[in-house]
N, C-alpha and C. Protein backbone atom coordinates (compact mmCIF):
# COMPACT_ATOMS: atom_id res chain seq x y z
N MET A 1 80.55 101.18 65.14
CA MET A 1 81.58 101.81 65.93
C MET A 1 82.41 100.77 66.64
N VAL A 2 83.69 100.81 66.59
CA VAL A 2 84.57 99.85 67.20
C VAL A 2 84.91 100.35 68.60
N LYS A 3 84.69 99.44 69.53
CA LYS A 3 84.97 99.72 70.94
C LYS A 3 86.44 99.55 71.24
N LYS A 4 87.03 100.57 71.85
CA LYS A 4 88.49 100.46 72.19
C LYS A 4 88.61 99.73 73.50
N THR A 5 89.54 98.76 73.57
CA THR A 5 89.81 98.09 74.77
C THR A 5 91.03 98.75 75.45
N PRO A 6 91.02 98.81 76.75
CA PRO A 6 92.20 99.41 77.43
C PRO A 6 93.43 98.61 77.23
N PRO A 7 94.58 99.20 77.19
CA PRO A 7 95.82 98.47 76.99
C PRO A 7 96.07 97.51 78.17
N VAL A 8 96.62 96.41 77.85
CA VAL A 8 96.97 95.41 78.94
C VAL A 8 98.28 95.86 79.58
N LEU A 9 98.22 95.98 80.93
CA LEU A 9 99.43 96.46 81.60
C LEU A 9 100.31 95.27 81.94
N THR A 10 101.48 95.26 81.35
CA THR A 10 102.46 94.22 81.61
C THR A 10 103.81 94.83 81.77
N HIS A 11 104.74 94.06 82.33
CA HIS A 11 106.07 94.54 82.48
C HIS A 11 107.03 93.33 82.24
N VAL A 12 108.06 93.50 81.54
CA VAL A 12 109.11 92.50 81.37
C VAL A 12 110.37 93.02 82.00
N LEU A 13 110.87 92.36 83.02
CA LEU A 13 112.06 92.76 83.71
C LEU A 13 113.24 92.90 82.82
N GLN A 14 113.94 94.00 82.89
CA GLN A 14 115.12 94.23 82.04
C GLN A 14 116.42 94.16 82.81
N ASP A 15 116.39 94.14 84.15
CA ASP A 15 117.57 94.14 84.99
C ASP A 15 118.27 92.79 84.83
N GLU A 16 119.37 92.79 84.08
CA GLU A 16 120.05 91.48 83.81
C GLU A 16 120.56 90.81 85.05
N ALA A 17 121.10 91.57 86.00
CA ALA A 17 121.58 90.97 87.23
C ALA A 17 120.48 90.30 88.00
N GLN A 18 119.33 90.89 88.05
CA GLN A 18 118.17 90.33 88.75
C GLN A 18 117.67 89.04 87.98
N LEU A 19 117.59 89.14 86.67
CA LEU A 19 117.20 88.05 85.88
C LEU A 19 118.13 86.84 86.07
N ILE A 20 119.45 87.05 86.18
CA ILE A 20 120.42 85.97 86.41
C ILE A 20 120.19 85.37 87.81
N ALA A 21 120.03 86.24 88.78
CA ALA A 21 119.78 85.73 90.14
C ALA A 21 118.53 84.90 90.21
N ILE A 22 117.43 85.34 89.58
CA ILE A 22 116.14 84.65 89.63
C ILE A 22 116.32 83.31 88.90
N SER A 23 116.95 83.33 87.75
CA SER A 23 117.18 82.10 86.99
C SER A 23 117.97 81.09 87.80
N LYS A 24 119.04 81.55 88.47
CA LYS A 24 119.84 80.61 89.32
C LYS A 24 118.99 79.97 90.38
N ARG A 25 118.20 80.81 91.02
CA ARG A 25 117.30 80.33 92.13
C ARG A 25 116.31 79.29 91.61
N ILE A 26 115.76 79.51 90.44
CA ILE A 26 114.78 78.58 89.86
C ILE A 26 115.50 77.26 89.46
N LYS A 27 116.68 77.39 88.91
CA LYS A 27 117.43 76.17 88.56
C LYS A 27 117.80 75.33 89.79
N ARG A 28 118.15 76.05 90.83
CA ARG A 28 118.43 75.33 92.12
C ARG A 28 117.19 74.63 92.62
N ALA A 29 116.04 75.29 92.59
CA ALA A 29 114.82 74.71 93.03
C ALA A 29 114.48 73.50 92.14
N HIS A 30 114.72 73.59 90.86
CA HIS A 30 114.49 72.46 89.96
C HIS A 30 115.30 71.28 90.37
N GLY A 31 116.58 71.52 90.67
CA GLY A 31 117.43 70.42 91.17
C GLY A 31 116.92 69.82 92.49
N GLN A 32 116.47 70.66 93.39
CA GLN A 32 115.92 70.21 94.64
C GLN A 32 114.67 69.30 94.44
N LEU A 33 113.87 69.67 93.44
CA LEU A 33 112.68 68.88 93.13
C LEU A 33 113.14 67.48 92.67
N GLY A 34 114.12 67.36 91.88
CA GLY A 34 114.68 66.06 91.47
C GLY A 34 115.13 65.31 92.66
N ALA A 35 115.81 66.00 93.56
CA ALA A 35 116.32 65.32 94.81
C ALA A 35 115.13 64.80 95.62
N ILE A 36 114.07 65.56 95.70
CA ILE A 36 112.88 65.15 96.45
C ILE A 36 112.32 63.86 95.85
N SER A 37 112.20 63.81 94.52
CA SER A 37 111.68 62.64 93.83
C SER A 37 112.54 61.39 94.19
N ARG A 38 113.86 61.59 94.14
CA ARG A 38 114.77 60.50 94.48
C ARG A 38 114.60 60.07 95.95
N MET A 39 114.43 61.07 96.81
CA MET A 39 114.26 60.73 98.23
C MET A 39 113.03 59.86 98.48
N ILE A 40 111.93 60.22 97.72
CA ILE A 40 110.72 59.46 97.89
C ILE A 40 110.97 57.99 97.39
N ASP A 41 111.59 57.90 96.18
CA ASP A 41 111.86 56.60 95.64
C ASP A 41 112.77 55.74 96.52
N GLU A 42 113.65 56.40 97.23
CA GLU A 42 114.57 55.69 98.19
C GLU A 42 113.96 55.37 99.56
N GLY A 43 112.75 55.88 99.74
CA GLY A 43 112.07 55.64 101.03
C GLY A 43 112.66 56.50 102.17
N ARG A 44 113.12 57.67 101.93
CA ARG A 44 113.63 58.55 102.93
C ARG A 44 112.57 59.00 103.92
N SER A 45 112.98 59.50 105.05
CA SER A 45 112.01 59.91 106.09
C SER A 45 111.16 61.08 105.65
N CYS A 46 109.94 61.11 106.20
CA CYS A 46 109.05 62.21 105.89
C CYS A 46 109.66 63.56 106.30
N GLU A 47 110.36 63.56 107.44
CA GLU A 47 110.98 64.81 107.91
C GLU A 47 112.02 65.34 106.86
N ASP A 48 112.83 64.47 106.31
CA ASP A 48 113.84 64.87 105.33
C ASP A 48 113.18 65.37 104.06
N ILE A 49 112.15 64.67 103.60
CA ILE A 49 111.47 65.05 102.39
C ILE A 49 110.73 66.40 102.55
N VAL A 50 110.01 66.54 103.67
CA VAL A 50 109.31 67.79 103.89
C VAL A 50 110.26 68.95 104.06
N THR A 51 111.39 68.75 104.69
CA THR A 51 112.41 69.82 104.79
C THR A 51 112.86 70.29 103.42
N GLN A 52 113.08 69.33 102.52
CA GLN A 52 113.49 69.71 101.15
C GLN A 52 112.32 70.40 100.40
N MET A 53 111.08 69.93 100.65
CA MET A 53 109.92 70.59 99.99
C MET A 53 109.80 72.03 100.50
N SER A 54 110.01 72.22 101.73
CA SER A 54 109.95 73.55 102.27
C SER A 54 110.99 74.49 101.64
N ALA A 55 112.20 73.94 101.46
CA ALA A 55 113.28 74.69 100.85
C ALA A 55 112.93 75.11 99.38
N VAL A 56 112.27 74.18 98.69
CA VAL A 56 111.89 74.44 97.29
C VAL A 56 110.79 75.55 97.32
N GLY A 57 109.82 75.44 98.21
CA GLY A 57 108.78 76.42 98.23
C GLY A 57 109.37 77.81 98.54
N LYS A 58 110.29 77.93 99.49
CA LYS A 58 110.89 79.19 99.82
C LYS A 58 111.69 79.77 98.66
N ALA A 59 112.39 78.85 97.96
CA ALA A 59 113.13 79.33 96.81
C ALA A 59 112.29 79.89 95.69
N ILE A 60 111.15 79.18 95.45
CA ILE A 60 110.22 79.68 94.43
C ILE A 60 109.57 80.97 94.81
N ASN A 61 109.15 81.07 96.06
CA ASN A 61 108.51 82.29 96.55
C ASN A 61 109.52 83.45 96.51
N THR A 62 110.75 83.23 96.90
CA THR A 62 111.74 84.27 96.91
C THR A 62 112.01 84.78 95.49
N ALA A 63 112.08 83.85 94.56
CA ALA A 63 112.26 84.17 93.13
C ALA A 63 111.12 85.05 92.62
N ALA A 64 109.89 84.65 92.99
CA ALA A 64 108.72 85.41 92.53
C ALA A 64 108.68 86.80 93.13
N ILE A 65 108.96 86.89 94.40
CA ILE A 65 108.97 88.17 95.08
C ILE A 65 110.07 89.09 94.55
N THR A 66 111.26 88.50 94.27
CA THR A 66 112.32 89.27 93.65
C THR A 66 111.95 89.80 92.30
N LEU A 67 111.30 88.94 91.49
CA LEU A 67 110.81 89.36 90.20
C LEU A 67 109.80 90.54 90.28
N ILE A 68 108.89 90.43 91.20
CA ILE A 68 107.89 91.50 91.36
C ILE A 68 108.48 92.75 91.86
N SER A 69 109.31 92.66 92.85
CA SER A 69 109.89 93.89 93.40
C SER A 69 110.86 94.57 92.46
N ALA A 70 111.63 93.80 91.71
CA ALA A 70 112.52 94.40 90.75
C ALA A 70 111.75 95.03 89.59
N SER A 71 110.65 94.46 89.22
CA SER A 71 109.77 95.02 88.17
C SER A 71 109.13 96.28 88.66
N LEU A 72 108.68 96.33 89.88
CA LEU A 72 108.08 97.55 90.41
C LEU A 72 109.15 98.67 90.49
N LYS A 73 110.37 98.33 90.90
CA LYS A 73 111.42 99.34 90.96
C LYS A 73 111.65 99.90 89.59
N GLU A 74 111.72 99.07 88.56
CA GLU A 74 111.94 99.55 87.16
C GLU A 74 110.79 100.43 86.71
N CYS A 75 109.54 100.07 87.04
CA CYS A 75 108.43 100.88 86.62
C CYS A 75 108.48 102.28 87.22
N ILE A 76 108.88 102.33 88.51
CA ILE A 76 108.95 103.60 89.16
C ILE A 76 110.10 104.47 88.62
N GLU A 77 111.26 103.79 88.46
CA GLU A 77 112.43 104.50 87.96
C GLU A 77 112.24 104.97 86.52
N ASN A 78 111.57 104.18 85.74
CA ASN A 78 111.40 104.48 84.27
C ASN A 78 110.23 105.38 83.99
N GLY A 79 109.46 105.71 85.03
CA GLY A 79 108.31 106.54 84.82
C GLY A 79 107.27 105.99 83.86
N THR A 80 106.94 104.70 84.06
CA THR A 80 105.94 104.07 83.20
C THR A 80 104.68 104.98 83.17
N SER A 81 104.11 105.10 82.07
CA SER A 81 102.99 106.11 81.84
C SER A 81 101.81 105.88 82.81
N ASP A 82 101.43 104.66 83.03
CA ASP A 82 100.36 104.35 83.98
C ASP A 82 100.88 103.60 85.17
N THR A 83 101.81 104.29 85.89
CA THR A 83 102.52 103.69 87.03
C THR A 83 101.56 103.17 88.08
N GLN A 84 100.51 103.94 88.37
CA GLN A 84 99.66 103.51 89.47
C GLN A 84 98.91 102.20 89.13
N ALA A 85 98.41 102.09 87.92
CA ALA A 85 97.74 100.82 87.53
C ALA A 85 98.68 99.63 87.54
N LEU A 86 99.85 99.86 87.04
CA LEU A 86 100.82 98.76 86.97
C LEU A 86 101.30 98.46 88.43
N THR A 87 101.49 99.45 89.24
CA THR A 87 101.86 99.21 90.64
C THR A 87 100.76 98.44 91.35
N ASP A 88 99.51 98.77 91.10
CA ASP A 88 98.40 97.98 91.73
C ASP A 88 98.46 96.53 91.24
N LYS A 89 98.69 96.35 89.98
CA LYS A 89 98.76 94.95 89.45
C LYS A 89 99.94 94.16 90.10
N LEU A 90 101.12 94.81 90.20
CA LEU A 90 102.27 94.11 90.81
C LEU A 90 102.04 93.91 92.29
N GLN A 91 101.34 94.84 92.96
CA GLN A 91 101.03 94.68 94.36
C GLN A 91 100.13 93.45 94.60
N LYS A 92 99.17 93.30 93.69
CA LYS A 92 98.26 92.16 93.75
C LYS A 92 99.01 90.85 93.61
N LEU A 93 99.94 90.87 92.68
CA LEU A 93 100.80 89.65 92.51
C LEU A 93 101.65 89.38 93.79
N PHE A 94 102.19 90.45 94.37
CA PHE A 94 102.95 90.31 95.57
C PHE A 94 102.11 89.74 96.71
N LEU A 95 100.93 90.27 96.85
CA LEU A 95 100.04 89.80 97.94
C LEU A 95 99.62 88.35 97.74
N SER A 96 99.69 87.83 96.50
CA SER A 96 99.30 86.45 96.33
C SER A 96 100.28 85.48 96.99
N PHE A 97 101.43 86.01 97.39
CA PHE A 97 102.39 85.18 98.10
C PHE A 97 102.35 85.41 99.60
N ALA A 98 101.57 86.29 100.10
CA ALA A 98 101.45 86.58 101.49
C ALA A 98 100.65 85.58 102.21
């Protein structure tokens, strides 16, 4: 007898505007990381470097939270069959940033 495994709950964001905004934020953070590397090589002050590191962290966290919240919104609006399970999974992802 073959044991059935439960389906894996996943969601791929479809909202093009949100995807563009998230992509722009990630690209900006990528550029900031390069700037941080140059700042270290140039011997810039700890304060300047940490300020830029903080900005990168906030940009990444904001992109992740935007991705999660937009996905949750789509799941609710589209009436995903197992909305509660997927909502729980997305909430767990969200709380990983708290």
